[in-house]
Amino acid sequence: DFVPEETFIYKLFHFNHTCTQLDFNPSRTIAALIIMLHTMPLNLFVICHYFRVQSHTNPIFANLKKFSKIATPLQFIVFTYFYMVFVNAPDGEYGTQEGLNKFILHYIPYMSWQLGMLLMAIQQCWYISLKRMVPAPFNAFVTPELMYQYCQLLCVLFVIYTWFCWSFIAGSPAWDTTSG
């Protein structure tokens, strides 16, 4: 009896996306279990990377060390609480404050996870640039400048996507999604 066009997300954004398929059982339960298998290794990587960065004594790592002291705890927290996406199902009634609140509680962990992934990309690109260890065959064209531009692009995409979603939540959509 599941009708994707009747979900809160479809009614809010006027189109379906992956969440429409993952936010309802039985796929919701399976996805939540898979995410739990993802969380512990990811957090272990975050912690190990932090110690790897902090172990460097070369002064060129000073700013990355400072950045990592801020980014690492944020990443750990948002990756740990990402499962809240599955706890807070966006299954409220569209057009009600309760339905909107349920969606907001669903979206915040996802938005936070995206921020954590952005911070991770920045840290990884920065580290690889400082170590000058771009693997072959990519080292022929991937330069530190290109990685910097890649991180800038990711930041812009994160801001635009987040603004897009929050504009719908605020009731003033960033652009019209009712037409193709």
C-alpha atoms as a PDB file:
ATOM      1  CA  ASP A   1       0.000   0.000   0.000  1.00  0.00           C
ATOM      2  CA  PHE A   2       3.053   2.294  -0.239  1.00  0.00           C
ATOM      3  CA  VAL A   3       2.536   5.204  -2.638  1.00  0.00           C
ATOM      4  CA  PRO A   4       5.728   7.283  -3.080  1.00  0.00           C
ATOM      5  CA  GLU A   5       3.750  10.312  -4.293  1.00  0.00           C
ATOM      6  CA  GLU A   6       1.879  10.377  -0.960  1.00  0.00           C
ATOM      7  CA  THR A   7       4.982  10.766   1.220  1.00  0.00           C
ATOM      8  CA  PHE A   8       5.819  13.957   3.082  1.00  0.00           C
ATOM      9  CA  ILE A   9       9.070  14.318   1.127  1.00  0.00           C
ATOM     10  CA  TYR A  10       7.325  14.072  -2.237  1.00  0.00           C
ATOM     11  CA  LYS A  11       4.683  16.579  -1.212  1.00  0.00           C
ATOM     12  CA  LEU A  12       7.316  18.977   0.156  1.00  0.00           C
ATOM     13  CA  PHE A  13       9.784  18.851  -2.754  1.00  0.00           C
ATOM     14  CA  HIS A  14       7.436  17.678  -5.556  1.00  0.00           C
ATOM     15  CA  PHE A  15       9.752  14.846  -6.574  1.00  0.00           C
ATOM     16  CA  ASN A  16      11.037  11.547  -5.201  1.00  0.00           C
ATOM     17  CA  HIS A  17      14.564  10.783  -4.195  1.00  0.00           C
ATOM     18  CA  THR A  18      16.388   7.979  -2.424  1.00  0.00           C
ATOM     19  CA  CYS A  19      14.914   8.834   0.970  1.00  0.00           C
ATOM     20  CA  THR A  20      11.456   8.039  -0.320  1.00  0.00           C
ATOM     21  CA  GLN A  21      12.590   4.440  -0.796  1.00  0.00           C
ATOM     22  CA  LEU A  22      14.634   4.125   2.411  1.00  0.00           C
ATOM     23  CA  ASP A  23      12.418   5.873   4.961  1.00  0.00           C
ATOM     24  CA  PHE A  24       9.716   3.232   5.205  1.00  0.00           C
ATOM     25  CA  ASN A  25       9.780  -0.397   6.300  1.00  0.00           C
ATOM     26  CA  PRO A  26      11.010  -2.915   5.417  1.00  0.00           C
ATOM     27  CA  SER A  27      13.857  -1.027   3.692  1.00  0.00           C
ATOM     28  CA  ARG A  28      14.148   1.392   6.639  1.00  0.00           C
ATOM     29  CA  THR A  29      15.052  -1.419   9.034  1.00  0.00           C
ATOM     30  CA  ILE A  30      17.566  -2.933   6.638  1.00  0.00           C
ATOM     31  CA  ALA A  31      19.152   0.451   5.879  1.00  0.00           C
ATOM     32  CA  ALA A  32      19.397   1.271   9.599  1.00  0.00           C
ATOM     33  CA  LEU A  33      21.206  -2.013  10.252  1.00  0.00           C
ATOM     34  CA  ILE A  34      23.612  -1.409   7.375  1.00  0.00           C
ATOM     35  CA  ILE A  35      24.346   2.107   8.651  1.00  0.00           C
ATOM     36  CA  MET A  36      25.267   0.667  12.042  1.00  0.00           C
ATOM     37  CA  LEU A  37      27.880  -1.491  10.268  1.00  0.00           C
ATOM     38  CA  HIS A  38      29.142   1.692   8.609  1.00  0.00           C
ATOM     39  CA  THR A  39      29.289   3.861  11.735  1.00  0.00           C
ATOM     40  CA  MET A  40      31.885   2.058  13.829  1.00  0.00           C
ATOM     41  CA  PRO A  41      34.524   1.646  11.090  1.00  0.00           C
ATOM     42  CA  LEU A  42      33.977   5.223   9.947  1.00  0.00           C
ATOM     43  CA  ASN A  43      34.434   6.582  13.475  1.00  0.00           C
ATOM     44  CA  LEU A  44      37.509   4.399  13.943  1.00  0.00           C
ATOM     45  CA  PHE A  45      38.928   5.901  10.745  1.00  0.00           C
ATOM     46  CA  VAL A  46      38.145   9.444  11.986  1.00  0.00           C
ATOM     47  CA  ILE A  47      40.003   8.802  15.249  1.00  0.00           C
ATOM     48  CA  CYS A  48      42.975   7.094  13.580  1.00  0.00           C
ATOM     49  CA  HIS A  49      43.269   9.876  11.031  1.00  0.00           C
ATOM     50  CA  TYR A  50      43.257  12.448  13.827  1.00  0.00           C
ATOM     51  CA  PHE A  51      46.184  10.726  15.539  1.00  0.00           C
ATOM     52  CA  ARG A  52      47.995  10.314  12.225  1.00  0.00           C
ATOM     53  CA  VAL A  53      47.751  14.059  11.584  1.00  0.00           C
ATOM     54  CA  GLN A  54      48.710  14.982  15.146  1.00  0.00           C
ATOM     55  CA  SER A  55      51.802  12.756  14.986  1.00  0.00           C
ATOM     56  CA  HIS A  56      53.457  14.903  12.319  1.00  0.00           C
ATOM     57  CA  THR A  57      56.154  17.246  13.551  1.00  0.00           C
ATOM     58  CA  ASN A  58      56.768  19.125  10.314  1.00  0.00           C
ATOM     59  CA  PRO A  59      55.482  22.723  10.671  1.00  0.00           C
ATOM     60  CA  ILE A  60      53.578  22.462   7.364  1.00  0.00           C
ATOM     61  CA  PHE A  61      51.011  20.330   9.264  1.00  0.00           C
ATOM     62  CA  ALA A  62      50.315  23.004  11.908  1.00  0.00           C
ATOM     63  CA  ASN A  63      47.126  24.376  10.327  1.00  0.00           C
ATOM     64  CA  LEU A  64      45.796  20.921   9.469  1.00  0.00           C
ATOM     65  CA  LYS A  65      46.392  19.915  13.088  1.00  0.00           C
ATOM     66  CA  LYS A  66      44.353  22.894  14.280  1.00  0.00           C
ATOM     67  CA  PHE A  67      41.583  22.155  11.774  1.00  0.00           C
ATOM     68  CA  SER A  68      41.531  18.485  12.804  1.00  0.00           C
ATOM     69  CA  LYS A  69      41.112  19.391  16.469  1.00  0.00           C
ATOM     70  CA  ILE A  70      37.808  21.059  15.520  1.00  0.00           C
ATOM     71  CA  ALA A  71      36.664  18.830  12.653  1.00  0.00           C
ATOM     72  CA  THR A  72      37.351  15.439  14.251  1.00  0.00           C
ATOM     73  CA  PRO A  73      34.964  15.763  17.225  1.00  0.00           C
ATOM     74  CA  LEU A  74      32.274  17.151  14.908  1.00  0.00           C
ATOM     75  CA  GLN A  75      32.727  14.250  12.503  1.00  0.00           C
ATOM     76  CA  PHE A  76      32.631  11.712  15.322  1.00  0.00           C
ATOM     77  CA  ILE A  77      29.402  13.165  16.711  1.00  0.00           C
ATOM     78  CA  VAL A  78      27.553  13.526  13.403  1.00  0.00           C
ATOM     79  CA  PHE A  79      28.612  10.095  12.155  1.00  0.00           C
ATOM     80  CA  THR A  80      27.583   8.512  15.467  1.00  0.00           C
ATOM     81  CA  TYR A  81      24.155  10.131  15.424  1.00  0.00           C
ATOM     82  CA  PHE A  82      23.427   9.613  11.736  1.00  0.00           C
ATOM     83  CA  TYR A  83      21.203   6.665  12.669  1.00  0.00           C
ATOM     84  CA  MET A  84      18.683   9.239  13.936  1.00  0.00           C
ATOM     85  CA  VAL A  85      17.688   9.613  10.275  1.00  0.00           C
ATOM     86  CA  PHE A  86      16.030   6.220  10.648  1.00  0.00           C
ATOM     87  CA  VAL A  87      14.639   6.868  14.127  1.00  0.00           C
ATOM     88  CA  ASN A  88      12.991  10.133  13.040  1.00  0.00           C
ATOM     89  CA  ALA A  89      10.927   8.991  10.077  1.00  0.00           C
ATOM     90  CA  PRO A  90       9.443  11.752   7.899  1.00  0.00           C
ATOM     91  CA  ASP A  91       6.042  10.097   8.075  1.00  0.00           C
ATOM     92  CA  GLY A  92       4.010  13.019   9.361  1.00  0.00           C
ATOM     93  CA  GLU A  93       1.047  14.525   7.600  1.00  0.00           C
ATOM     94  CA  TYR A  94       2.015  17.122   5.021  1.00  0.00           C
ATOM     95  CA  GLY A  95       0.705  20.615   5.781  1.00  0.00           C
ATOM     96  CA  THR A  96       0.850  20.206   9.561  1.00  0.00           C
ATOM     97  CA  GLN A  97       3.444  21.554  11.988  1.00  0.00           C
ATOM     98  CA  GLU A  98       3.844  18.077  13.458  1.00  0.00           C
ATOM     99  CA  GLY A  99       4.639  16.653  10.018  1.00  0.00           C
ATOM    100  CA  LEU A 100       7.141  19.430   9.346  1.00  0.00           C
ATOM    101  CA  ASN A 101       8.785  18.914  12.743  1.00  0.00           C
ATOM    102  CA  LYS A 102       9.154  15.201  12.008  1.00  0.00           C
ATOM    103  CA  PHE A 103      10.804  16.018   8.693  1.00  0.00           C
ATOM    104  CA  ILE A 104      13.161  18.552  10.325  1.00  0.00           C
ATOM    105  CA  LEU A 105      14.196  15.957  12.923  1.00  0.00           C
ATOM    106  CA  HIS A 106      14.785  13.559  10.034  1.00  0.00           C
ATOM    107  CA  TYR A 107      16.752  16.050   7.922  1.00  0.00           C
ATOM    108  CA  ILE A 108      19.081  17.500  10.582  1.00  0.00           C
ATOM    109  CA  PRO A 109      21.048  14.238  11.101  1.00  0.00           C
ATOM    110  CA  TYR A 110      21.362  13.833   7.325  1.00  0.00           C
ATOM    111  CA  MET A 111      22.514  17.423   6.856  1.00  0.00           C
ATOM    112  CA  SER A 112      24.984  16.962   9.717  1.00  0.00           C
ATOM    113  CA  TRP A 113      26.292  13.743   8.152  1.00  0.00           C
ATOM    114  CA  GLN A 114      26.842  15.626   4.893  1.00  0.00           C
ATOM    115  CA  LEU A 115      28.805  18.261   6.810  1.00  0.00           C
ATOM    116  CA  GLY A 116      30.900  15.503   8.384  1.00  0.00           C
ATOM    117  CA  MET A 117      31.634  14.048   4.957  1.00  0.00           C
ATOM    118  CA  LEU A 118      32.584  17.508   3.694  1.00  0.00           C
ATOM    119  CA  LEU A 119      34.988  17.996   6.604  1.00  0.00           C
ATOM    120  CA  MET A 120      36.450  14.560   5.934  1.00  0.00           C
ATOM    121  CA  ALA A 121      37.010  15.382   2.257  1.00  0.00           C
ATOM    122  CA  ILE A 122      38.757  18.613   3.218  1.00  0.00           C
ATOM    123  CA  GLN A 123      40.984  16.827   5.729  1.00  0.00           C
ATOM    124  CA  GLN A 124      41.875  14.052   3.302  1.00  0.00           C
ATOM    125  CA  CYS A 125      42.671  16.375   0.402  1.00  0.00           C
ATOM    126  CA  TRP A 126      44.698  18.634   2.684  1.00  0.00           C
ATOM    127  CA  TYR A 127      46.646  15.702   4.100  1.00  0.00           C
ATOM    128  CA  ILE A 128      47.328  14.189   0.686  1.00  0.00           C
ATOM    129  CA  SER A 129      48.460  17.595  -0.586  1.00  0.00           C
ATOM    130  CA  LEU A 130      50.853  18.097   2.293  1.00  0.00           C
ATOM    131  CA  LYS A 131      52.256  14.574   1.966  1.00  0.00           C
ATOM    132  CA  ARG A 132      52.377  14.861  -1.836  1.00  0.00           C
ATOM    133  CA  MET A 133      51.084  11.321  -2.069  1.00  0.00           C
ATOM    134  CA  VAL A 134      48.513  11.317  -4.868  1.00  0.00           C
ATOM    135  CA  PRO A 135      48.522   7.727  -6.112  1.00  0.00           C
ATOM    136  CA  ALA A 136      49.522   6.856  -9.657  1.00  0.00           C
ATOM    137  CA  PRO A 137      48.100   7.254 -12.305  1.00  0.00           C
ATOM    138  CA  PHE A 138      46.163  10.194 -10.825  1.00  0.00           C
ATOM    139  CA  ASN A 139      49.336  12.079  -9.880  1.00  0.00           C
ATOM    140  CA  ALA A 140      49.764  13.002 -13.545  1.00  0.00           C
ATOM    141  CA  PHE A 141      46.858  15.469 -13.353  1.00  0.00           C
ATOM    142  CA  VAL A 142      45.658  15.704  -9.734  1.00  0.00           C
ATOM    143  CA  THR A 143      47.521  18.585  -8.163  1.00  0.00           C
ATOM    144  CA  PRO A 144      47.150  20.220  -4.764  1.00  0.00           C
ATOM    145  CA  GLU A 145      45.443  23.132  -6.530  1.00  0.00           C
ATOM    146  CA  LEU A 146      42.940  20.786  -8.168  1.00  0.00           C
ATOM    147  CA  MET A 147      42.181  19.179  -4.792  1.00  0.00           C
ATOM    148  CA  TYR A 148      41.685  22.648  -3.305  1.00  0.00           C
ATOM    149  CA  GLN A 149      39.248  23.508  -6.109  1.00  0.00           C
ATOM    150  CA  TYR A 150      37.480  20.187  -5.535  1.00  0.00           C
ATOM    151  CA  CYS A 151      37.012  21.084  -1.849  1.00  0.00           C
ATOM    152  CA  GLN A 152      35.729  24.517  -2.829  1.00  0.00           C
ATOM    153  CA  LEU A 153      33.205  22.866  -5.172  1.00  0.00           C
ATOM    154  CA  LEU A 154      32.085  20.516  -2.401  1.00  0.00           C
ATOM    155  CA  CYS A 155      31.602  23.483  -0.053  1.00  0.00           C
ATOM    156  CA  VAL A 156      29.502  25.308  -2.647  1.00  0.00           C
ATOM    157  CA  LEU A 157      27.410  22.203  -3.332  1.00  0.00           C
ATOM    158  CA  PHE A 158      26.868  21.652   0.397  1.00  0.00           C
ATOM    159  CA  VAL A 159      25.711  25.252   0.885  1.00  0.00           C
ATOM    160  CA  ILE A 160      23.410  25.173  -2.158  1.00  0.00           C
ATOM    161  CA  TYR A 161      21.861  21.811  -1.258  1.00  0.00           C
ATOM    162  CA  THR A 162      21.370  22.807   2.383  1.00  0.00           C
ATOM    163  CA  TRP A 163      19.884  26.157   1.365  1.00  0.00           C
ATOM    164  CA  PHE A 164      17.630  24.371  -1.118  1.00  0.00           C
ATOM    165  CA  CYS A 165      16.253  22.010   1.552  1.00  0.00           C
ATOM    166  CA  TRP A 166      15.849  24.669   4.240  1.00  0.00           C
ATOM    167  CA  SER A 167      14.094  26.990   1.792  1.00  0.00           C
ATOM    168  CA  PHE A 168      11.380  24.351   1.355  1.00  0.00           C
ATOM    169  CA  ILE A 169      11.201  23.790   5.105  1.00  0.00           C
ATOM    170  CA  ALA A 170      10.795  27.546   5.610  1.00  0.00           C
ATOM    171  CA  GLY A 171       7.936  27.567   3.088  1.00  0.00           C
ATOM    172  CA  SER A 172       9.746  29.720   0.542  1.00  0.00           C
ATOM    173  CA  PRO A 173      11.247  27.302  -2.013  1.00  0.00           C
ATOM    174  CA  ALA A 174      14.535  28.350  -3.609  1.00  0.00           C
ATOM    175  CA  TRP A 175      13.186  27.363  -7.015  1.00  0.00           C
ATOM    176  CA  ASP A 176      10.127  25.815  -8.543  1.00  0.00           C
ATOM    177  CA  THR A 177      10.180  22.029  -8.596  1.00  0.00           C
ATOM    178  CA  THR A 178       6.583  21.546  -9.681  1.00  0.00           C
ATOM    179  CA  SER A 179       7.471  21.548 -13.381  1.00  0.00           C
ATOM    180  CA  GLY A 180       9.906  19.213 -15.124  1.00  0.00           C
END
